[in-house]
């Protein structure tokens, strides 16, 4: 069982990125999926979550209106569309399924 993130990078403030997380080795469609992030010196925090068929989502207050979580169960993939990025969004972003974590993907927002 594993989840693997991709799509991180360096972007200027106000820019956009789309992160992807592919799950394998488990029944992806049966799990609630989440994105977390962790900046240096800070605790890991929940960014967004999505229910099994995408009917229900949740967001941290700091990203509401800027980030959108979605999923494609046919591709075993969950996405995080990030718009109007700010320097404080810089962090390693992790995909999560209960106790299963990916290696993370670095997002850096800087001019």
Foldseek 3Di string as FASTA:
>chain_A
DAKAKDWADEAAQQAKIKMKIADDDDQLLQFKKFKWWDDPPGDIGTAKIAHSQRPDMDGDPVQPPFWDWDDDSVRRMIMIIGGRDDQVVFTWMWMDTVPHIYPTDTHGYHD
